[in-house]
Amino acid sequence: MNQPKIVEKKFFHLLGCVYYGNPFHNAKEWSYENEIGKLWERFGTLAYKYRSLLKKISLENDIAYELHLEPEEFKKTMNYYVFVGMEVIKTDEIPLEMFVKILPKTNYVVFTTTMEDKFEMGGYMYKKWLPEHNYEQCFPYILQMYDRKRYTGLEDPKSEIDWFIPVKISTN
């Protein structure tokens, strides 16, 4: 795993599709058959349908995001929000079937992992790197970035994903 980078005071304005529930109720994690895989498929269909509009408002056409947001009831229900989409520069005209999510302006620690080491990522980031560097997660979400130049699919062990963790300096 590479050393992470720090991104300071970043806003994300995302446009895409949303799912709420347990995305793994019918298929395992990291599968095209689970609800997250279906959500990506729905987003892809809509992105194609509205490609001329999205080309005008997207920040970067070759980058997409997946947001996992845990609401207060997550530990009790195991249901959470998953949002997939793209970063946009304006939101005054959007497709009716899509939603906008504006993430708070905050600092991020950004880790890059391969599909091969994705399962080790959580333990390393949260249990080792963040505490050792005096950071703690400041919002209950994690954002994954998929860059078409580096992400080549779930099956490719060398396929890369960036993980954005919203952080603040720890008070402990």
Protein backbone atom coordinates (compact mmCIF):
# COMPACT_ATOMS: atom_id res chain seq x y z
CA MET A 1 0.00 0.00 0.00
CA ASN A 2 1.35 3.43 -0.95
CA GLN A 3 1.73 6.29 1.48
CA PRO A 4 -1.44 8.39 1.44
CA LYS A 5 -1.65 12.01 0.40
CA ILE A 6 -3.50 14.81 2.17
CA VAL A 7 -6.07 16.88 0.28
CA GLU A 8 -6.93 20.06 2.14
CA LYS A 9 -10.32 21.78 2.33
CA LYS A 10 -11.96 20.02 -0.61
CA PHE A 11 -15.63 20.33 -1.62
CA PHE A 12 -17.23 17.58 -3.66
CA HIS A 13 -20.31 18.33 -5.76
CA LEU A 14 -21.48 14.96 -7.05
CA LEU A 15 -24.22 14.05 -9.49
CA GLY A 16 -25.46 10.49 -9.71
CA CYS A 17 -27.73 7.76 -8.37
CA VAL A 18 -28.46 6.65 -4.82
CA TYR A 19 -29.33 3.42 -3.00
CA TYR A 20 -30.37 2.98 0.65
CA GLY A 21 -30.37 -0.38 2.38
CA ASN A 22 -28.05 -3.35 2.74
CA PRO A 23 -26.36 -3.59 -0.66
CA PHE A 24 -25.14 -7.13 0.04
CA HIS A 25 -28.48 -8.78 0.82
CA ASN A 26 -28.42 -10.78 -2.44
CA ALA A 27 -24.73 -10.88 -3.46
CA LYS A 28 -21.32 -10.57 -1.79
CA GLU A 29 -19.10 -7.49 -1.58
CA TRP A 30 -17.08 -6.53 -4.65
CA SER A 31 -19.58 -8.11 -7.04
CA TYR A 32 -21.36 -6.69 -10.06
CA GLU A 33 -24.46 -8.60 -8.87
CA ASN A 34 -24.95 -6.78 -5.55
CA GLU A 35 -26.96 -3.56 -5.20
CA ILE A 36 -23.85 -1.43 -5.67
CA GLY A 37 -23.12 -3.16 -8.96
CA LYS A 38 -26.72 -2.59 -10.04
CA LEU A 39 -26.44 1.06 -8.97
CA TRP A 40 -23.35 1.50 -11.16
CA GLU A 41 -25.24 -0.06 -14.05
CA ARG A 42 -28.17 2.34 -13.55
CA PHE A 43 -25.79 5.30 -13.37
CA GLY A 44 -23.99 4.14 -16.53
CA THR A 45 -27.27 3.89 -18.42
CA LEU A 46 -28.32 7.39 -17.36
CA ALA A 47 -24.85 8.85 -18.00
CA TYR A 48 -25.04 7.51 -21.54
CA LYS A 49 -28.59 8.81 -22.03
CA TYR A 50 -27.58 12.31 -20.85
CA ARG A 51 -23.99 12.26 -22.17
CA SER A 52 -24.21 15.61 -23.99
CA LEU A 53 -25.43 17.45 -20.86
CA LEU A 54 -23.01 15.64 -18.54
CA LYS A 55 -20.07 16.46 -20.81
CA LYS A 56 -20.84 20.17 -20.27
CA ILE A 57 -21.18 20.03 -16.47
CA SER A 58 -18.75 17.30 -15.41
CA LEU A 59 -15.42 18.19 -13.87
CA GLU A 60 -13.64 15.10 -15.28
CA ASN A 61 -15.29 12.58 -17.60
CA ASP A 62 -12.86 9.75 -16.84
CA ILE A 63 -13.39 9.79 -13.07
CA ALA A 64 -16.37 8.45 -11.11
CA TYR A 65 -17.07 8.19 -7.39
CA GLU A 66 -18.76 5.81 -4.96
CA LEU A 67 -19.86 7.25 -1.62
CA HIS A 68 -20.74 5.10 1.41
CA LEU A 69 -22.60 7.13 4.04
CA GLU A 70 -23.56 5.63 7.39
CA PRO A 71 -26.64 7.21 9.00
CA GLU A 72 -27.14 7.20 12.78
CA GLU A 73 -29.16 3.96 12.65
CA PHE A 74 -26.49 2.04 10.71
CA LYS A 75 -25.25 -0.12 13.62
CA LYS A 76 -28.83 -1.18 14.39
CA THR A 77 -30.11 -1.72 10.84
CA MET A 78 -26.88 -2.28 8.81
CA ASN A 79 -28.54 -0.11 6.15
CA TYR A 80 -26.63 2.78 4.63
CA TYR A 81 -26.57 5.09 1.64
CA VAL A 82 -24.50 4.34 -1.43
CA PHE A 83 -24.17 7.06 -4.01
CA VAL A 84 -22.38 6.63 -7.34
CA GLY A 85 -21.72 9.41 -9.77
CA MET A 86 -19.41 12.06 -11.07
CA GLU A 87 -18.07 15.37 -9.87
CA VAL A 88 -19.78 18.34 -11.50
CA ILE A 89 -19.00 22.04 -11.79
CA LYS A 90 -22.62 23.20 -11.76
CA THR A 91 -25.97 21.78 -10.71
CA ASP A 92 -28.52 24.19 -12.13
CA GLU A 93 -29.56 21.73 -14.86
CA ILE A 94 -29.47 18.04 -14.03
CA PRO A 95 -31.30 14.95 -15.30
CA LEU A 96 -34.54 14.35 -13.41
CA GLU A 97 -33.58 10.74 -12.54
CA MET A 98 -30.31 11.81 -10.90
CA PHE A 99 -29.48 13.39 -7.55
CA VAL A 100 -26.91 15.90 -6.31
CA LYS A 101 -24.83 15.28 -3.21
CA ILE A 102 -22.64 18.08 -1.85
CA LEU A 103 -20.07 16.85 0.63
CA PRO A 104 -18.77 19.19 3.34
CA LYS A 105 -15.58 21.15 2.78
CA THR A 106 -13.00 19.17 4.71
CA ASN A 107 -9.55 17.62 4.64
CA TYR A 108 -9.10 14.12 3.25
CA VAL A 109 -6.50 11.45 3.62
CA VAL A 110 -6.35 9.68 0.26
CA PHE A 111 -5.16 6.08 0.08
CA THR A 112 -4.61 4.21 -3.18
CA THR A 113 -5.17 0.47 -3.16
CA THR A 114 -5.35 -2.27 -5.73
CA MET A 115 -8.14 -4.80 -5.94
CA GLU A 116 -5.58 -7.26 -4.60
CA ASP A 117 -5.15 -5.38 -1.29
CA LYS A 118 -8.64 -3.85 -0.89
CA PHE A 119 -9.54 -6.03 2.11
CA GLU A 120 -6.40 -5.05 4.04
CA MET A 121 -7.14 -1.38 3.43
CA GLY A 122 -9.70 -0.88 6.22
CA GLY A 123 -7.57 -2.26 9.00
CA TYR A 124 -4.49 -0.40 7.87
CA MET A 125 -6.18 2.96 7.35
CA TYR A 126 -8.38 3.08 10.42
CA LYS A 127 -6.43 1.05 12.96
CA LYS A 128 -2.86 1.92 12.02
CA TRP A 129 -2.26 4.93 9.77
CA LEU A 130 -4.85 7.43 11.07
CA PRO A 131 -4.04 6.97 14.79
CA GLU A 132 -0.27 6.93 14.17
CA HIS A 133 -0.54 10.25 12.30
CA ASN A 134 -2.93 11.89 14.79
CA TYR A 135 -6.00 11.92 12.52
CA GLU A 136 -9.56 10.77 13.07
CA GLN A 137 -12.49 10.47 10.70
CA CYS A 138 -14.68 13.55 11.02
CA PHE A 139 -17.75 12.55 8.95
CA PRO A 140 -19.47 9.13 8.70
CA TYR A 141 -18.63 8.43 5.08
CA ILE A 142 -15.91 7.19 2.80
CA LEU A 143 -15.52 8.11 -0.84
CA GLN A 144 -13.94 5.86 -3.47
CA MET A 145 -12.59 7.34 -6.69
CA TYR A 146 -12.46 5.28 -9.88
CA ASP A 147 -10.16 6.70 -12.54
CA ARG A 148 -10.56 4.93 -15.92
CA LYS A 149 -6.81 5.15 -16.49
CA ARG A 150 -6.08 3.14 -13.32
CA TYR A 151 -9.28 1.23 -12.53
CA THR A 152 -9.62 -1.70 -14.93
CA GLY A 153 -12.35 -3.74 -13.21
CA LEU A 154 -13.10 -5.91 -10.19
CA GLU A 155 -11.38 -8.95 -11.69
CA ASP A 156 -7.98 -7.28 -12.27
CA PRO A 157 -5.87 -7.55 -9.09
CA LYS A 158 -3.76 -4.55 -10.21
CA SER A 159 -6.80 -2.32 -10.76
CA GLU A 160 -6.51 0.77 -8.53
CA ILE A 161 -9.01 2.70 -6.41
CA ASP A 162 -8.45 5.87 -4.37
CA TRP A 163 -10.13 6.06 -0.95
CA PHE A 164 -10.92 9.53 0.43
CA ILE A 165 -11.40 9.59 4.20
CA PRO A 166 -12.66 12.89 5.68
CA VAL A 167 -10.37 13.71 8.60
CA LYS A 168 -9.51 16.16 11.34
CA ILE A 169 -6.64 16.28 13.80
CA SER A 170 -7.37 13.89 16.66
CA THR A 171 -8.11 15.33 20.09
CA ASN A 172 -7.02 12.14 21.87
